[in-house]
Amino acid sequence: MRTGKATPLTDVFAFGVFLLEIACGRRPVDHDNRNNQIVLVDWVIEHHDKGSILDVVDPRLLGKYETNEVILVLKLGLICAHPLPNIRPSMGRVVHYLDSSQSIPPDLSLMRNGGFDSYINLDDLSMVSIGESSVTILLEGR
């Protein structure tokens, strides 16, 4: 965003938001009936944290979807839209998840501190401390 140039990491972010838009049938930023702003990524995270992730699925689908597939798409959307670019998976890894040749790690715990500036704790991620804060990094290369 700062340079105005697309990079693979911004492409992954955009793809993540796209996945969430399609699965939820919502815009990335919308307003409720009281004109309060709703950020799609935050809304999906809230439902994930409450254990109600399927409540974000587009109601126009009328329940006609494979539950495991829609959960995969929602989790991939969240991972790809992570605010820290180095946390986002490569598109190659995303393709592996979508092709089912690699299963997405089951633990997708999202910790938030005043919005979506958090970390995702997955099996292929590790916590490291830098100064007073913790940062999650990928253990495998891109």
C-alpha atoms as a PDB file:
ATOM      1  CA  MET A   1       0.000   0.000   0.000  1.00  0.00           C
ATOM      2  CA  ARG A   2       2.811   2.405   0.763  1.00  0.00           C
ATOM      3  CA  THR A   3       4.556   1.997  -2.576  1.00  0.00           C
ATOM      4  CA  GLY A   4       1.457   1.534  -4.705  1.00  0.00           C
ATOM      5  CA  LYS A   5       3.026  -1.561  -6.235  1.00  0.00           C
ATOM      6  CA  ALA A   6       1.563  -5.040  -6.068  1.00  0.00           C
ATOM      7  CA  THR A   7       3.730  -7.789  -4.621  1.00  0.00           C
ATOM      8  CA  PRO A   8       3.123 -11.495  -4.085  1.00  0.00           C
ATOM      9  CA  LEU A   9       2.247 -10.718  -0.452  1.00  0.00           C
ATOM     10  CA  THR A  10      -0.364  -8.113  -1.415  1.00  0.00           C
ATOM     11  CA  ASP A  11      -1.751 -10.556  -3.964  1.00  0.00           C
ATOM     12  CA  VAL A  12      -2.116 -13.200  -1.230  1.00  0.00           C
ATOM     13  CA  PHE A  13      -3.884 -10.646   0.996  1.00  0.00           C
ATOM     14  CA  ALA A  14      -6.276  -9.705  -1.802  1.00  0.00           C
ATOM     15  CA  PHE A  15      -6.942 -13.383  -2.515  1.00  0.00           C
ATOM     16  CA  GLY A  16      -7.762 -13.951   1.165  1.00  0.00           C
ATOM     17  CA  VAL A  17     -10.243 -11.098   1.211  1.00  0.00           C
ATOM     18  CA  PHE A  18     -11.710 -12.405  -2.063  1.00  0.00           C
ATOM     19  CA  LEU A  19     -12.209 -15.857  -0.487  1.00  0.00           C
ATOM     20  CA  LEU A  20     -14.042 -14.280   2.444  1.00  0.00           C
ATOM     21  CA  GLU A  21     -16.191 -12.133   0.131  1.00  0.00           C
ATOM     22  CA  ILE A  22     -17.273 -15.156  -1.888  1.00  0.00           C
ATOM     23  CA  ALA A  23     -17.950 -17.421   1.112  1.00  0.00           C
ATOM     24  CA  CYS A  24     -19.792 -14.736   3.080  1.00  0.00           C
ATOM     25  CA  GLY A  25     -21.503 -12.885   0.250  1.00  0.00           C
ATOM     26  CA  ARG A  26     -20.361  -9.561   1.729  1.00  0.00           C
ATOM     27  CA  ARG A  27     -18.129  -6.671   0.807  1.00  0.00           C
ATOM     28  CA  PRO A  28     -14.776  -6.240   2.588  1.00  0.00           C
ATOM     29  CA  VAL A  29     -16.126  -3.176   4.392  1.00  0.00           C
ATOM     30  CA  ASP A  30     -19.853  -2.760   4.846  1.00  0.00           C
ATOM     31  CA  HIS A  31     -22.337  -1.058   7.155  1.00  0.00           C
ATOM     32  CA  ASP A  32     -25.074  -2.516   9.310  1.00  0.00           C
ATOM     33  CA  ASN A  33     -28.596  -1.110   9.623  1.00  0.00           C
ATOM     34  CA  ARG A  34     -27.342   1.475  12.176  1.00  0.00           C
ATOM     35  CA  ASN A  35     -24.615   2.619   9.748  1.00  0.00           C
ATOM     36  CA  ASN A  36     -21.858   1.037  11.885  1.00  0.00           C
ATOM     37  CA  GLN A  37     -18.865  -0.059   9.851  1.00  0.00           C
ATOM     38  CA  ILE A  38     -18.333  -3.817   9.603  1.00  0.00           C
ATOM     39  CA  VAL A  39     -14.915  -5.059   8.476  1.00  0.00           C
ATOM     40  CA  LEU A  40     -15.363  -8.507   6.916  1.00  0.00           C
ATOM     41  CA  VAL A  41     -12.102  -9.967   8.252  1.00  0.00           C
ATOM     42  CA  ASP A  42     -12.894  -8.856  11.813  1.00  0.00           C
ATOM     43  CA  TRP A  43     -16.463 -10.167  11.539  1.00  0.00           C
ATOM     44  CA  VAL A  44     -15.273 -13.609  10.408  1.00  0.00           C
ATOM     45  CA  ILE A  45     -12.639 -13.685  13.176  1.00  0.00           C
ATOM     46  CA  GLU A  46     -15.267 -12.885  15.803  1.00  0.00           C
ATOM     47  CA  HIS A  47     -17.429 -15.762  14.637  1.00  0.00           C
ATOM     48  CA  HIS A  48     -14.444 -18.103  14.458  1.00  0.00           C
ATOM     49  CA  ASP A  49     -13.445 -17.216  18.014  1.00  0.00           C
ATOM     50  CA  LYS A  50     -17.019 -17.821  19.230  1.00  0.00           C
ATOM     51  CA  GLY A  51     -17.163 -21.198  17.467  1.00  0.00           C
ATOM     52  CA  SER A  52     -19.838 -20.003  15.073  1.00  0.00           C
ATOM     53  CA  ILE A  53     -17.796 -19.697  11.875  1.00  0.00           C
ATOM     54  CA  LEU A  54     -20.568 -21.251   9.775  1.00  0.00           C
ATOM     55  CA  ASP A  55     -22.827 -18.322  10.713  1.00  0.00           C
ATOM     56  CA  VAL A  56     -20.817 -16.138   8.314  1.00  0.00           C
ATOM     57  CA  VAL A  57     -21.585 -18.265   5.248  1.00  0.00           C
ATOM     58  CA  ASP A  58     -23.691 -16.498   2.636  1.00  0.00           C
ATOM     59  CA  PRO A  59     -27.326 -17.287   3.503  1.00  0.00           C
ATOM     60  CA  ARG A  60     -28.175 -17.260  -0.212  1.00  0.00           C
ATOM     61  CA  LEU A  61     -26.403 -20.627  -0.446  1.00  0.00           C
ATOM     62  CA  LEU A  62     -29.334 -22.049   1.552  1.00  0.00           C
ATOM     63  CA  GLY A  63     -27.039 -24.517   3.289  1.00  0.00           C
ATOM     64  CA  LYS A  64     -26.149 -26.190  -0.018  1.00  0.00           C
ATOM     65  CA  TYR A  65     -22.402 -26.489   0.460  1.00  0.00           C
ATOM     66  CA  GLU A  66     -19.842 -28.930   1.784  1.00  0.00           C
ATOM     67  CA  THR A  67     -19.181 -27.857   5.375  1.00  0.00           C
ATOM     68  CA  ASN A  68     -15.508 -28.892   5.351  1.00  0.00           C
ATOM     69  CA  GLU A  69     -14.905 -27.014   2.120  1.00  0.00           C
ATOM     70  CA  VAL A  70     -16.470 -23.775   3.302  1.00  0.00           C
ATOM     71  CA  ILE A  71     -14.551 -23.946   6.600  1.00  0.00           C
ATOM     72  CA  LEU A  72     -11.346 -24.468   4.610  1.00  0.00           C
ATOM     73  CA  VAL A  73     -12.118 -21.432   2.430  1.00  0.00           C
ATOM     74  CA  LEU A  74     -12.901 -19.257   5.461  1.00  0.00           C
ATOM     75  CA  LYS A  75      -9.729 -20.296   7.306  1.00  0.00           C
ATOM     76  CA  LEU A  76      -7.613 -19.779   4.199  1.00  0.00           C
ATOM     77  CA  GLY A  77      -9.183 -16.367   3.761  1.00  0.00           C
ATOM     78  CA  LEU A  78      -8.206 -15.421   7.292  1.00  0.00           C
ATOM     79  CA  ILE A  79      -4.670 -16.731   6.953  1.00  0.00           C
ATOM     80  CA  CYS A  80      -4.144 -14.996   3.607  1.00  0.00           C
ATOM     81  CA  ALA A  81      -5.543 -11.704   4.942  1.00  0.00           C
ATOM     82  CA  HIS A  82      -3.279 -11.687   7.983  1.00  0.00           C
ATOM     83  CA  PRO A  83      -2.059  -8.123   8.663  1.00  0.00           C
ATOM     84  CA  LEU A  84       1.581  -9.224   8.886  1.00  0.00           C
ATOM     85  CA  PRO A  85       2.741 -10.052   5.353  1.00  0.00           C
ATOM     86  CA  ASN A  86       5.373 -12.560   6.490  1.00  0.00           C
ATOM     87  CA  ILE A  87       2.674 -14.664   8.177  1.00  0.00           C
ATOM     88  CA  ARG A  88       0.657 -15.120   4.982  1.00  0.00           C
ATOM     89  CA  PRO A  89       1.171 -18.423   3.165  1.00  0.00           C
ATOM     90  CA  SER A  90       2.589 -18.577  -0.316  1.00  0.00           C
ATOM     91  CA  MET A  91       0.082 -19.109  -3.100  1.00  0.00           C
ATOM     92  CA  GLY A  92       1.736 -22.489  -3.655  1.00  0.00           C
ATOM     93  CA  ARG A  93       0.802 -23.512  -0.131  1.00  0.00           C
ATOM     94  CA  VAL A  94      -2.730 -22.147  -0.621  1.00  0.00           C
ATOM     95  CA  VAL A  95      -3.065 -24.260  -3.765  1.00  0.00           C
ATOM     96  CA  HIS A  96      -1.907 -27.318  -1.825  1.00  0.00           C
ATOM     97  CA  TYR A  97      -4.584 -26.648   0.791  1.00  0.00           C
ATOM     98  CA  LEU A  98      -7.250 -26.187  -1.876  1.00  0.00           C
ATOM     99  CA  ASP A  99      -6.153 -29.310  -3.759  1.00  0.00           C
ATOM    100  CA  SER A 100      -6.408 -31.253  -0.496  1.00  0.00           C
ATOM    101  CA  SER A 101      -2.864 -32.508  -1.000  1.00  0.00           C
ATOM    102  CA  GLN A 102      -2.048 -30.795   2.270  1.00  0.00           C
ATOM    103  CA  SER A 103      -4.528 -30.410   5.097  1.00  0.00           C
ATOM    104  CA  ILE A 104      -4.853 -27.064   6.774  1.00  0.00           C
ATOM    105  CA  PRO A 105      -3.701 -27.202  10.379  1.00  0.00           C
ATOM    106  CA  PRO A 106      -6.715 -27.699  12.639  1.00  0.00           C
ATOM    107  CA  ASP A 107      -5.770 -25.050  15.211  1.00  0.00           C
ATOM    108  CA  LEU A 108      -6.550 -21.588  13.937  1.00  0.00           C
ATOM    109  CA  SER A 109      -6.556 -19.535  17.110  1.00  0.00           C
ATOM    110  CA  LEU A 110      -6.689 -15.842  16.400  1.00  0.00           C
ATOM    111  CA  MET A 111      -5.635 -13.461  19.120  1.00  0.00           C
ATOM    112  CA  ARG A 112      -6.675  -9.862  18.755  1.00  0.00           C
ATOM    113  CA  ASN A 113      -5.556  -6.742  20.524  1.00  0.00           C
ATOM    114  CA  GLY A 114      -7.855  -3.943  19.426  1.00  0.00           C
ATOM    115  CA  GLY A 115      -8.554  -5.223  15.931  1.00  0.00           C
ATOM    116  CA  PHE A 116      -6.978  -7.545  13.440  1.00  0.00           C
ATOM    117  CA  ASP A 117      -3.362  -6.956  14.417  1.00  0.00           C
ATOM    118  CA  SER A 118      -2.721 -10.355  15.822  1.00  0.00           C
ATOM    119  CA  TYR A 119      -1.131 -13.691  15.109  1.00  0.00           C
ATOM    120  CA  ILE A 120      -2.298 -17.059  13.922  1.00  0.00           C
ATOM    121  CA  ASN A 121      -1.060 -20.084  15.850  1.00  0.00           C
ATOM    122  CA  LEU A 122      -0.713 -22.959  13.408  1.00  0.00           C
ATOM    123  CA  ASP A 123       1.430 -26.098  13.468  1.00  0.00           C
ATOM    124  CA  ASP A 124       3.755 -24.624  10.830  1.00  0.00           C
ATOM    125  CA  LEU A 125       4.168 -21.349  12.709  1.00  0.00           C
ATOM    126  CA  SER A 126       6.328 -20.581  15.679  1.00  0.00           C
ATOM    127  CA  MET A 127       6.334 -17.793  18.268  1.00  0.00           C
ATOM    128  CA  VAL A 128       9.466 -15.729  18.711  1.00  0.00           C
ATOM    129  CA  SER A 129      10.011 -12.771  21.003  1.00  0.00           C
ATOM    130  CA  ILE A 130      11.315  -9.501  19.677  1.00  0.00           C
ATOM    131  CA  GLY A 131      11.733  -6.963  22.431  1.00  0.00           C
ATOM    132  CA  GLU A 132       8.574  -6.879  24.508  1.00  0.00           C
ATOM    133  CA  SER A 133       6.251  -8.299  21.841  1.00  0.00           C
ATOM    134  CA  SER A 134       5.819 -11.733  20.337  1.00  0.00           C
ATOM    135  CA  VAL A 135       5.737 -12.275  16.609  1.00  0.00           C
ATOM    136  CA  THR A 136       4.664 -15.367  14.745  1.00  0.00           C
ATOM    137  CA  ILE A 137       6.831 -16.480  11.856  1.00  0.00           C
ATOM    138  CA  LEU A 138       6.693 -19.277   9.315  1.00  0.00           C
ATOM    139  CA  LEU A 139       9.105 -22.101   9.901  1.00  0.00           C
ATOM    140  CA  GLU A 140       9.112 -23.146   6.259  1.00  0.00           C
ATOM    141  CA  GLY A 141      10.335 -20.974   3.410  1.00  0.00           C
ATOM    142  CA  ARG A 142       8.222 -19.599   0.618  1.00  0.00           C
END
